[in-house]
ModelCIF file with pLDDT and N, C-alpha, C, O atoms, coordinates in Angstrom:
data_MODEL
#
_entry.id   MODEL 
#
_entity.id                         1 
_entity.type                       polymer 
_entity.pdbx_number_of_molecules   1 
#
_entity_poly.entity_id                      1 
_entity_poly.type                           'polypeptide(L)' 
_entity_poly.nstd_linkage                   no 
_entity_poly.nstd_monomer                   no 
_entity_poly.pdbx_seq_one_letter_code       CILKSNKEINEVIEKTKINDVWGIGRQWTKFLMKNNIFTAKEF 
_entity_poly.pdbx_seq_one_letter_code_can   CILKSNKEINEVIEKTKINDVWGIGRQWTKFLMKNNIFTAKEF 
_entity_poly.pdbx_strand_id                 A 
#
loop_
_entity_poly_seq.entity_id 
_entity_poly_seq.num 
_entity_poly_seq.mon_id 
_entity_poly_seq.hetero 
1 1  CYS n 
1 2  ILE n 
1 3  LEU n 
1 4  LYS n 
1 5  SER n 
1 6  ASN n 
1 7  LYS n 
1 8  GLU n 
1 9  ILE n 
1 10 ASN n 
1 11 GLU n 
1 12 VAL n 
1 13 ILE n 
1 14 GLU n 
1 15 LYS n 
1 16 THR n 
1 17 LYS n 
1 18 ILE n 
1 19 ASN n 
1 20 ASP n 
1 21 VAL n 
1 22 TRP n 
1 23 GLY n 
1 24 ILE n 
1 25 GLY n 
1 26 ARG n 
1 27 GLN n 
1 28 TRP n 
1 29 THR n 
1 30 LYS n 
1 31 PHE n 
1 32 LEU n 
1 33 MET n 
1 34 LYS n 
1 35 ASN n 
1 36 ASN n 
1 37 ILE n 
1 38 PHE n 
1 39 THR n 
1 40 ALA n 
1 41 LYS n 
1 42 GLU n 
1 43 PHE n 
#
_struct_asym.id          A 
_struct_asym.entity_id   1 
#
loop_
_ma_qa_metric.id 
_ma_qa_metric.mode 
_ma_qa_metric.name 
_ma_qa_metric.software_group_id 
_ma_qa_metric.type 
1 global pLDDT . pLDDT 
2 local  pLDDT . pLDDT 
#
_ma_qa_metric_global.metric_id      1 
_ma_qa_metric_global.metric_value   92.44 
_ma_qa_metric_global.model_id       1 
_ma_qa_metric_global.ordinal_id     1 
#
loop_
_ma_qa_metric_local.label_asym_id 
_ma_qa_metric_local.label_comp_id 
_ma_qa_metric_local.label_seq_id 
_ma_qa_metric_local.metric_id 
_ma_qa_metric_local.metric_value 
_ma_qa_metric_local.model_id 
_ma_qa_metric_local.ordinal_id 
A CYS 1  2 96.00 1 1  
A ILE 2  2 94.00 1 2  
A LEU 3  2 92.00 1 3  
A LYS 4  2 82.00 1 4  
A SER 5  2 84.00 1 5  
A ASN 6  2 86.00 1 6  
A LYS 7  2 88.00 1 7  
A GLU 8  2 89.00 1 8  
A ILE 9  2 91.00 1 9  
A ASN 10 2 90.00 1 10 
A GLU 11 2 91.00 1 11 
A VAL 12 2 92.00 1 12 
A ILE 13 2 92.00 1 13 
A GLU 14 2 92.00 1 14 
A LYS 15 2 92.00 1 15 
A THR 16 2 94.00 1 16 
A LYS 17 2 95.00 1 17 
A ILE 18 2 95.00 1 18 
A ASN 19 2 94.00 1 19 
A ASP 20 2 94.00 1 20 
A VAL 21 2 95.00 1 21 
A TRP 22 2 93.00 1 22 
A GLY 23 2 91.00 1 23 
A ILE 24 2 93.00 1 24 
A GLY 25 2 89.00 1 25 
A ARG 26 2 90.00 1 26 
A GLN 27 2 92.00 1 27 
A TRP 28 2 93.00 1 28 
A THR 29 2 94.00 1 29 
A LYS 30 2 94.00 1 30 
A PHE 31 2 94.00 1 31 
A LEU 32 2 95.00 1 32 
A MET 33 2 95.00 1 33 
A LYS 34 2 95.00 1 34 
A ASN 35 2 94.00 1 35 
A ASN 36 2 94.00 1 36 
A ILE 37 2 94.00 1 37 
A PHE 38 2 95.00 1 38 
A THR 39 2 94.00 1 39 
A ALA 40 2 95.00 1 40 
A LYS 41 2 93.00 1 41 
A GLU 42 2 95.00 1 42 
A PHE 43 2 95.00 1 43 
#
loop_
_atom_site.group_PDB 
_atom_site.id 
_atom_site.type_symbol 
_atom_site.label_atom_id 
_atom_site.label_alt_id 
_atom_site.label_comp_id 
_atom_site.label_asym_id 
_atom_site.label_entity_id 
_atom_site.label_seq_id 
_atom_site.pdbx_PDB_ins_code 
_atom_site.Cartn_x 
_atom_site.Cartn_y 
_atom_site.Cartn_z 
_atom_site.occupancy 
_atom_site.B_iso_or_equiv 
_atom_site.pdbx_formal_charge 
_atom_site.auth_seq_id 
_atom_site.auth_comp_id 
_atom_site.auth_asym_id 
_atom_site.auth_atom_id 
_atom_site.pdbx_PDB_model_num 
ATOM 1   N N  . CYS A 1 1  ? -122.822 -232.686 63.809 1.00 96.00 ? 1  CYS A N  1 
ATOM 2   C CA . CYS A 1 1  ? -124.279 -232.784 63.763 1.00 96.00 ? 1  CYS A CA 1 
ATOM 3   C C  . CYS A 1 1  ? -124.677 -233.865 62.767 1.00 96.00 ? 1  CYS A C  1 
ATOM 4   O O  . CYS A 1 1  ? -124.308 -233.799 61.594 1.00 96.00 ? 1  CYS A O  1 
ATOM 5   N N  . ILE A 1 2  ? -125.424 -234.853 63.227 1.00 94.00 ? 2  ILE A N  1 
ATOM 6   C CA . ILE A 1 2  ? -125.888 -235.964 62.386 1.00 94.00 ? 2  ILE A CA 1 
ATOM 7   C C  . ILE A 1 2  ? -127.401 -235.867 62.242 1.00 94.00 ? 2  ILE A C  1 
ATOM 8   O O  . ILE A 1 2  ? -128.124 -235.943 63.235 1.00 94.00 ? 2  ILE A O  1 
ATOM 9   N N  . LEU A 1 3  ? -127.880 -235.700 61.025 1.00 92.00 ? 3  LEU A N  1 
ATOM 10  C CA . LEU A 1 3  ? -129.314 -235.724 60.746 1.00 92.00 ? 3  LEU A CA 1 
ATOM 11  C C  . LEU A 1 3  ? -129.664 -237.134 60.281 1.00 92.00 ? 3  LEU A C  1 
ATOM 12  O O  . LEU A 1 3  ? -129.498 -237.470 59.108 1.00 92.00 ? 3  LEU A O  1 
ATOM 13  N N  . LYS A 1 4  ? -130.144 -237.947 61.203 1.00 82.00 ? 4  LYS A N  1 
ATOM 14  C CA . LYS A 1 4  ? -130.345 -239.358 60.881 1.00 82.00 ? 4  LYS A CA 1 
ATOM 15  C C  . LYS A 1 4  ? -131.801 -239.806 60.953 1.00 82.00 ? 4  LYS A C  1 
ATOM 16  O O  . LYS A 1 4  ? -132.104 -240.963 60.663 1.00 82.00 ? 4  LYS A O  1 
ATOM 17  N N  . SER A 1 5  ? -132.703 -238.909 61.335 1.00 84.00 ? 5  SER A N  1 
ATOM 18  C CA . SER A 1 5  ? -134.108 -239.290 61.404 1.00 84.00 ? 5  SER A CA 1 
ATOM 19  C C  . SER A 1 5  ? -134.977 -238.236 60.733 1.00 84.00 ? 5  SER A C  1 
ATOM 20  O O  . SER A 1 5  ? -134.587 -237.076 60.605 1.00 84.00 ? 5  SER A O  1 
ATOM 21  N N  . ASN A 1 6  ? -136.153 -238.660 60.312 1.00 86.00 ? 6  ASN A N  1 
ATOM 22  C CA . ASN A 1 6  ? -137.096 -237.743 59.691 1.00 86.00 ? 6  ASN A CA 1 
ATOM 23  C C  . ASN A 1 6  ? -137.474 -236.605 60.642 1.00 86.00 ? 6  ASN A C  1 
ATOM 24  O O  . ASN A 1 6  ? -137.613 -235.456 60.222 1.00 86.00 ? 6  ASN A O  1 
ATOM 25  N N  . LYS A 1 7  ? -137.638 -236.931 61.908 1.00 88.00 ? 7  LYS A N  1 
ATOM 26  C CA . LYS A 1 7  ? -138.016 -235.935 62.896 1.00 88.00 ? 7  LYS A CA 1 
ATOM 27  C C  . LYS A 1 7  ? -136.950 -234.846 63.010 1.00 88.00 ? 7  LYS A C  1 
ATOM 28  O O  . LYS A 1 7  ? -137.274 -233.659 63.034 1.00 88.00 ? 7  LYS A O  1 
ATOM 29  N N  . GLU A 1 8  ? -135.670 -235.249 63.080 1.00 89.00 ? 8  GLU A N  1 
ATOM 30  C CA . GLU A 1 8  ? -134.573 -234.292 63.190 1.00 89.00 ? 8  GLU A CA 1 
ATOM 31  C C  . GLU A 1 8  ? -134.502 -233.389 61.961 1.00 89.00 ? 8  GLU A C  1 
ATOM 32  O O  . GLU A 1 8  ? -134.307 -232.179 62.079 1.00 89.00 ? 8  GLU A O  1 
ATOM 33  N N  . ILE A 1 9  ? -134.662 -233.984 60.793 1.00 91.00 ? 9  ILE A N  1 
ATOM 34  C CA . ILE A 1 9  ? -134.601 -233.216 59.550 1.00 91.00 ? 9  ILE A CA 1 
ATOM 35  C C  . ILE A 1 9  ? -135.740 -232.215 59.469 1.00 91.00 ? 9  ILE A C  1 
ATOM 36  O O  . ILE A 1 9  ? -135.531 -231.058 59.105 1.00 91.00 ? 9  ILE A O  1 
ATOM 37  N N  . ASN A 1 10 ? -136.938 -232.655 59.807 1.00 90.00 ? 10 ASN A N  1 
ATOM 38  C CA . ASN A 1 10 ? -138.092 -231.759 59.768 1.00 90.00 ? 10 ASN A CA 1 
ATOM 39  C C  . ASN A 1 10 ? -137.920 -230.575 60.712 1.00 90.00 ? 10 ASN A C  1 
ATOM 40  O O  . ASN A 1 10 ? -138.266 -229.445 60.366 1.00 90.00 ? 10 ASN A O  1 
ATOM 41  N N  . GLU A 1 11 ? -137.392 -230.829 61.888 1.00 91.00 ? 11 GLU A N  1 
ATOM 42  C CA . GLU A 1 11 ? -137.161 -229.756 62.863 1.00 91.00 ? 11 GLU A CA 1 
ATOM 43  C C  . GLU A 1 11 ? -136.150 -228.744 62.346 1.00 91.00 ? 11 GLU A C  1 
ATOM 44  O O  . GLU A 1 11 ? -136.310 -227.537 62.530 1.00 91.00 ? 11 GLU A O  1 
ATOM 45  N N  . VAL A 1 12 ? -135.109 -229.250 61.700 1.00 92.00 ? 12 VAL A N  1 
ATOM 46  C CA . VAL A 1 12 ? -134.065 -228.383 61.157 1.00 92.00 ? 12 VAL A CA 1 
ATOM 47  C C  . VAL A 1 12 ? -134.600 -227.559 59.993 1.00 92.00 ? 12 VAL A C  1 
ATOM 48  O O  . VAL A 1 12 ? -134.342 -226.359 59.901 1.00 92.00 ? 12 VAL A O  1 
ATOM 49  N N  . ILE A 1 13 ? -135.352 -228.216 59.099 1.00 92.00 ? 13 ILE A N  1 
ATOM 50  C CA . ILE A 1 13 ? -135.910 -227.552 57.930 1.00 92.00 ? 13 ILE A CA 1 
ATOM 51  C C  . ILE A 1 13 ? -136.783 -226.368 58.331 1.00 92.00 ? 13 ILE A C  1 
ATOM 52  O O  . ILE A 1 13 ? -136.743 -225.313 57.698 1.00 92.00 ? 13 ILE A O  1 
ATOM 53  N N  . GLU A 1 14 ? -137.564 -226.551 59.377 1.00 92.00 ? 14 GLU A N  1 
ATOM 54  C CA . GLU A 1 14 ? -138.450 -225.495 59.837 1.00 92.00 ? 14 GLU A CA 1 
ATOM 55  C C  . GLU A 1 14 ? -137.693 -224.255 60.284 1.00 92.00 ? 14 GLU A C  1 
ATOM 56  O O  . GLU A 1 14 ? -138.200 -223.141 60.148 1.00 92.00 ? 14 GLU A O  1 
ATOM 57  N N  . LYS A 1 15 ? -136.491 -224.428 60.813 1.00 92.00 ? 15 LYS A N  1 
ATOM 58  C CA . LYS A 1 15 ? -135.722 -223.318 61.384 1.00 92.00 ? 15 LYS A CA 1 
ATOM 59  C C  . LYS A 1 15 ? -134.717 -222.717 60.401 1.00 92.00 ? 15 LYS A C  1 
ATOM 60  O O  . LYS A 1 15 ? -134.103 -221.691 60.694 1.00 92.00 ? 15 LYS A O  1 
ATOM 61  N N  . THR A 1 16 ? -134.546 -223.342 59.250 1.00 94.00 ? 16 THR A N  1 
ATOM 62  C CA . THR A 1 16 ? -133.530 -222.895 58.302 1.00 94.00 ? 16 THR A CA 1 
ATOM 63  C C  . THR A 1 16 ? -134.073 -221.796 57.393 1.00 94.00 ? 16 THR A C  1 
ATOM 64  O O  . THR A 1 16 ? -135.084 -221.982 56.715 1.00 94.00 ? 16 THR A O  1 
ATOM 65  N N  . LYS A 1 17 ? -133.392 -220.647 57.386 1.00 95.00 ? 17 LYS A N  1 
ATOM 66  C CA . LYS A 1 17 ? -133.786 -219.550 56.510 1.00 95.00 ? 17 LYS A CA 1 
ATOM 67  C C  . LYS A 1 17 ? -133.460 -219.905 55.063 1.00 95.00 ? 17 LYS A C  1 
ATOM 68  O O  . LYS A 1 17 ? -132.509 -220.640 54.797 1.00 95.00 ? 17 LYS A O  1 
ATOM 69  N N  . ILE A 1 18 ? -134.241 -219.388 54.145 1.00 95.00 ? 18 ILE A N  1 
ATOM 70  C CA . ILE A 1 18 ? -134.075 -219.746 52.736 1.00 95.00 ? 18 ILE A CA 1 
ATOM 71  C C  . ILE A 1 18 ? -132.704 -219.326 52.209 1.00 95.00 ? 18 ILE A C  1 
ATOM 72  O O  . ILE A 1 18 ? -132.143 -220.013 51.355 1.00 95.00 ? 18 ILE A O  1 
ATOM 73  N N  . ASN A 1 19 ? -132.153 -218.214 52.699 1.00 94.00 ? 19 ASN A N  1 
ATOM 74  C CA . ASN A 1 19 ? -130.837 -217.772 52.234 1.00 94.00 ? 19 ASN A CA 1 
ATOM 75  C C  . ASN A 1 19 ? -129.692 -218.599 52.802 1.00 94.00 ? 19 ASN A C  1 
ATOM 76  O O  . ASN A 1 19 ? -128.546 -218.444 52.379 1.00 94.00 ? 19 ASN A O  1 
ATOM 77  N N  . ASP A 1 20 ? -129.997 -219.488 53.767 1.00 94.00 ? 20 ASP A N  1 
ATOM 78  C CA . ASP A 1 20 ? -128.988 -220.386 54.327 1.00 94.00 ? 20 ASP A CA 1 
ATOM 79  C C  . ASP A 1 20 ? -128.971 -221.751 53.645 1.00 94.00 ? 20 ASP A C  1 
ATOM 80  O O  . ASP A 1 20 ? -128.191 -222.625 54.022 1.00 94.00 ? 20 ASP A O  1 
ATOM 81  N N  . VAL A 1 21 ? -129.823 -221.934 52.648 1.00 95.00 ? 21 VAL A N  1 
ATOM 82  C CA . VAL A 1 21 ? -129.867 -223.195 51.911 1.00 95.00 ? 21 VAL A CA 1 
ATOM 83  C C  . VAL A 1 21 ? -128.796 -223.179 50.830 1.00 95.00 ? 21 VAL A C  1 
ATOM 84  O O  . VAL A 1 21 ? -128.714 -222.233 50.046 1.00 95.00 ? 21 VAL A O  1 
ATOM 85  N N  . TRP A 1 22 ? -127.981 -224.217 50.786 1.00 93.00 ? 22 TRP A N  1 
ATOM 86  C CA . TRP A 1 22 ? -126.913 -224.344 49.800 1.00 93.00 ? 22 TRP A CA 1 
ATOM 87  C C  . TRP A 1 22 ? -127.497 -224.296 48.387 1.00 93.00 ? 22 TRP A C  1 
ATOM 88  O O  . TRP A 1 22 ? -128.409 -225.057 48.063 1.00 93.00 ? 22 TRP A O  1 
ATOM 89  N N  . GLY A 1 23 ? -126.978 -223.413 47.563 1.00 91.00 ? 23 GLY A N  1 
ATOM 90  C CA . GLY A 1 23 ? -127.451 -223.294 46.186 1.00 91.00 ? 23 GLY A CA 1 
ATOM 91  C C  . GLY A 1 23 ? -128.443 -222.176 45.965 1.00 91.00 ? 23 GLY A C  1 
ATOM 92  O O  . GLY A 1 23 ? -128.692 -221.784 44.825 1.00 91.00 ? 23 GLY A O  1 
ATOM 93  N N  . ILE A 1 24 ? -129.021 -221.648 47.055 1.00 93.00 ? 24 ILE A N  1 
ATOM 94  C CA . ILE A 1 24 ? -129.945 -220.521 46.942 1.00 93.00 ? 24 ILE A CA 1 
ATOM 95  C C  . ILE A 1 24 ? -129.140 -219.238 47.106 1.00 93.00 ? 24 ILE A C  1 
ATOM 96  O O  . ILE A 1 24 ? -128.840 -218.813 48.222 1.00 93.00 ? 24 ILE A O  1 
ATOM 97  N N  . GLY A 1 25 ? -128.800 -218.637 45.986 1.00 89.00 ? 25 GLY A N  1 
ATOM 98  C CA . GLY A 1 25 ? -127.984 -217.430 46.006 1.00 89.00 ? 25 GLY A CA 1 
ATOM 99  C C  . GLY A 1 25 ? -128.796 -216.169 46.259 1.00 89.00 ? 25 GLY A C  1 
ATOM 100 O O  . GLY A 1 25 ? -129.978 -216.218 46.598 1.00 89.00 ? 25 GLY A O  1 
ATOM 101 N N  . ARG A 1 26 ? -128.121 -215.039 46.081 1.00 90.00 ? 26 ARG A N  1 
ATOM 102 C CA . ARG A 1 26 ? -128.733 -213.743 46.387 1.00 90.00 ? 26 ARG A CA 1 
ATOM 103 C C  . ARG A 1 26 ? -129.969 -213.462 45.537 1.00 90.00 ? 26 ARG A C  1 
ATOM 104 O O  . ARG A 1 26 ? -130.991 -213.008 46.050 1.00 90.00 ? 26 ARG A O  1 
ATOM 105 N N  . GLN A 1 27 ? -129.871 -213.736 44.229 1.00 92.00 ? 27 GLN A N  1 
ATOM 106 C CA . GLN A 1 27 ? -130.980 -213.438 43.332 1.00 92.00 ? 27 GLN A CA 1 
ATOM 107 C C  . GLN A 1 27 ? -132.187 -214.327 43.603 1.00 92.00 ? 27 GLN A C  1 
ATOM 108 O O  . GLN A 1 27 ? -133.319 -213.845 43.634 1.00 92.00 ? 27 GLN A O  1 
ATOM 109 N N  . TRP A 1 28 ? -131.954 -215.608 43.796 1.00 93.00 ? 28 TRP A N  1 
ATOM 110 C CA . TRP A 1 28 ? -133.063 -216.507 44.107 1.00 93.00 ? 28 TRP A CA 1 
ATOM 111 C C  . TRP A 1 28 ? -133.681 -216.188 45.463 1.00 93.00 ? 28 TRP A C  1 
ATOM 112 O O  . TRP A 1 28 ? -134.892 -216.317 45.639 1.00 93.00 ? 28 TRP A O  1 
ATOM 113 N N  . THR A 1 29 ? -132.856 -215.772 46.422 1.00 94.00 ? 29 THR A N  1 
ATOM 114 C CA . THR A 1 29 ? -133.383 -215.376 47.733 1.00 94.00 ? 29 THR A CA 1 
ATOM 115 C C  . THR A 1 29 ? -134.356 -214.213 47.583 1.00 94.00 ? 29 THR A C  1 
ATOM 116 O O  . THR A 1 29 ? -135.438 -214.224 48.170 1.00 94.00 ? 29 THR A O  1 
ATOM 117 N N  . LYS A 1 30 ? -133.970 -213.208 46.797 1.00 94.00 ? 30 LYS A N  1 
ATOM 118 C CA . LYS A 1 30 ? -134.845 -212.058 46.552 1.00 94.00 ? 30 LYS A CA 1 
ATOM 119 C C  . LYS A 1 30 ? -136.144 -212.499 45.887 1.00 94.00 ? 30 LYS A C  1 
ATOM 120 O O  . LYS A 1 30 ? -137.231 -212.070 46.273 1.00 94.00 ? 30 LYS A O  1 
ATOM 121 N N  . PHE A 1 31 ? -136.016 -213.361 44.886 1.00 94.00 ? 31 PHE A N  1 
ATOM 122 C CA . PHE A 1 31 ? -137.190 -213.846 44.156 1.00 94.00 ? 31 PHE A CA 1 
ATOM 123 C C  . PHE A 1 31 ? -138.145 -214.607 45.079 1.00 94.00 ? 31 PHE A C  1 
ATOM 124 O O  . PHE A 1 31 ? -139.351 -214.365 45.054 1.00 94.00 ? 31 PHE A O  1 
ATOM 125 N N  . LEU A 1 32 ? -137.616 -215.519 45.889 1.00 95.00 ? 32 LEU A N  1 
ATOM 126 C CA . LEU A 1 32 ? -138.449 -216.331 46.771 1.00 95.00 ? 32 LEU A CA 1 
ATOM 127 C C  . LEU A 1 32 ? -139.096 -215.487 47.863 1.00 95.00 ? 32 LEU A C  1 
ATOM 128 O O  . LEU A 1 32 ? -140.255 -215.698 48.220 1.00 95.00 ? 32 LEU A O  1 
ATOM 129 N N  . MET A 1 33 ? -138.337 -214.533 48.388 1.00 95.00 ? 33 MET A N  1 
ATOM 130 C CA . MET A 1 33 ? -138.911 -213.666 49.416 1.00 95.00 ? 33 MET A CA 1 
ATOM 131 C C  . MET A 1 33 ? -140.045 -212.815 48.875 1.00 95.00 ? 33 MET A C  1 
ATOM 132 O O  . MET A 1 33 ? -141.012 -212.536 49.584 1.00 95.00 ? 33 MET A O  1 
ATOM 133 N N  . LYS A 1 34 ? -139.929 -212.394 47.600 1.00 95.00 ? 34 LYS A N  1 
ATOM 134 C CA . LYS A 1 34 ? -141.021 -211.654 46.962 1.00 95.00 ? 34 LYS A CA 1 
ATOM 135 C C  . LYS A 1 34 ? -142.278 -212.510 46.859 1.00 95.00 ? 34 LYS A C  1 
ATOM 136 O O  . LYS A 1 34 ? -143.395 -211.994 46.802 1.00 95.00 ? 34 LYS A O  1 
ATOM 137 N N  . ASN A 1 35 ? -142.077 -213.826 46.835 1.00 94.00 ? 35 ASN A N  1 
ATOM 138 C CA . ASN A 1 35 ? -143.202 -214.763 46.781 1.00 94.00 ? 35 ASN A CA 1 
ATOM 139 C C  . ASN A 1 35 ? -143.519 -215.345 48.170 1.00 94.00 ? 35 ASN A C  1 
ATOM 140 O O  . ASN A 1 35 ? -144.144 -216.400 48.283 1.00 94.00 ? 35 ASN A O  1 
ATOM 141 N N  . ASN A 1 36 ? -143.080 -214.642 49.218 1.00 94.00 ? 36 ASN A N  1 
ATOM 142 C CA . ASN A 1 36 ? -143.378 -215.000 50.609 1.00 94.00 ? 36 ASN A CA 1 
ATOM 143 C C  . ASN A 1 36 ? -142.807 -216.358 51.029 1.00 94.00 ? 36 ASN A C  1 
ATOM 144 O O  . ASN A 1 36 ? -143.394 -217.073 51.841 1.00 94.00 ? 36 ASN A O  1 
ATOM 145 N N  . ILE A 1 37 ? -141.675 -216.686 50.467 1.00 94.00 ? 37 ILE A N  1 
ATOM 146 C CA . ILE A 1 37 ? -140.958 -217.905 50.850 1.00 94.00 ? 37 ILE A CA 1 
ATOM 147 C C  . ILE A 1 37 ? -139.721 -217.482 51.626 1.00 94.00 ? 37 ILE A C  1 
ATOM 148 O O  . ILE A 1 37 ? -138.773 -216.954 51.044 1.00 94.00 ? 37 ILE A O  1 
ATOM 149 N N  . PHE A 1 38 ? -139.721 -217.712 52.954 1.00 95.00 ? 38 PHE A N  1 
ATOM 150 C CA . PHE A 1 38 ? -138.652 -217.235 53.810 1.00 95.00 ? 38 PHE A CA 1 
ATOM 151 C C  . PHE A 1 38 ? -137.855 -218.360 54.478 1.00 95.00 ? 38 PHE A C  1 
ATOM 152 O O  . PHE A 1 38 ? -136.770 -218.119 55.007 1.00 95.00 ? 38 PHE A O  1 
ATOM 153 N N  . THR A 1 39 ? -138.381 -219.572 54.455 1.00 94.00 ? 39 THR A N  1 
ATOM 154 C CA . THR A 1 39 ? -137.716 -220.696 55.109 1.00 94.00 ? 39 THR A CA 1 
ATOM 155 C C  . THR A 1 39 ? -137.614 -221.898 54.181 1.00 94.00 ? 39 THR A C  1 
ATOM 156 O O  . THR A 1 39 ? -138.313 -221.979 53.171 1.00 94.00 ? 39 THR A O  1 
ATOM 157 N N  . ALA A 1 40 ? -136.732 -222.833 54.534 1.00 95.00 ? 40 ALA A N  1 
ATOM 158 C CA . ALA A 1 40 ? -136.605 -224.072 53.771 1.00 95.00 ? 40 ALA A CA 1 
ATOM 159 C C  . ALA A 1 40 ? -137.907 -224.867 53.799 1.00 95.00 ? 40 ALA A C  1 
ATOM 160 O O  . ALA A 1 40 ? -138.253 -225.523 52.817 1.00 95.00 ? 40 ALA A O  1 
ATOM 161 N N  . LYS A 1 41 ? -138.636 -224.811 54.928 1.00 93.00 ? 41 LYS A N  1 
ATOM 162 C CA . LYS A 1 41 ? -139.913 -225.505 55.040 1.00 93.00 ? 41 LYS A CA 1 
ATOM 163 C C  . LYS A 1 41 ? -140.889 -224.988 53.997 1.00 93.00 ? 41 LYS A C  1 
ATOM 164 O O  . LYS A 1 41 ? -141.535 -225.775 53.305 1.00 93.00 ? 41 LYS A O  1 
ATOM 165 N N  . GLU A 1 42 ? -141.001 -223.674 53.879 1.00 95.00 ? 42 GLU A N  1 
ATOM 166 C CA . GLU A 1 42 ? -141.927 -223.089 52.913 1.00 95.00 ? 42 GLU A CA 1 
ATOM 167 C C  . GLU A 1 42 ? -141.520 -223.424 51.484 1.00 95.00 ? 42 GLU A C  1 
ATOM 168 O O  . GLU A 1 42 ? -142.374 -223.577 50.610 1.00 95.00 ? 42 GLU A O  1 
ATOM 169 N N  . PHE A 1 43 ? -140.225 -223.536 51.248 1.00 95.00 ? 43 PHE A N  1 
ATOM 170 C CA . PHE A 1 43 ? -139.730 -223.899 49.922 1.00 95.00 ? 43 PHE A CA 1 
ATOM 171 C C  . PHE A 1 43 ? -140.090 -225.338 49.578 1.00 95.00 ? 43 PHE A C  1 
ATOM 172 O O  . PHE A 1 43 ? -139.753 -225.817 48.495 1.00 95.00 ? 43 PHE A O  1 
#
């Protein structure tokens, strides 16, 4: 999978869950979800 354009990246970001983002561990996932942040887009 090659993310080479802004359009492709934006589409992917919208569909990526916050807990699937590299570096966002269990504790940060809980914290962000408490603040209604569920996706990479919202982050």
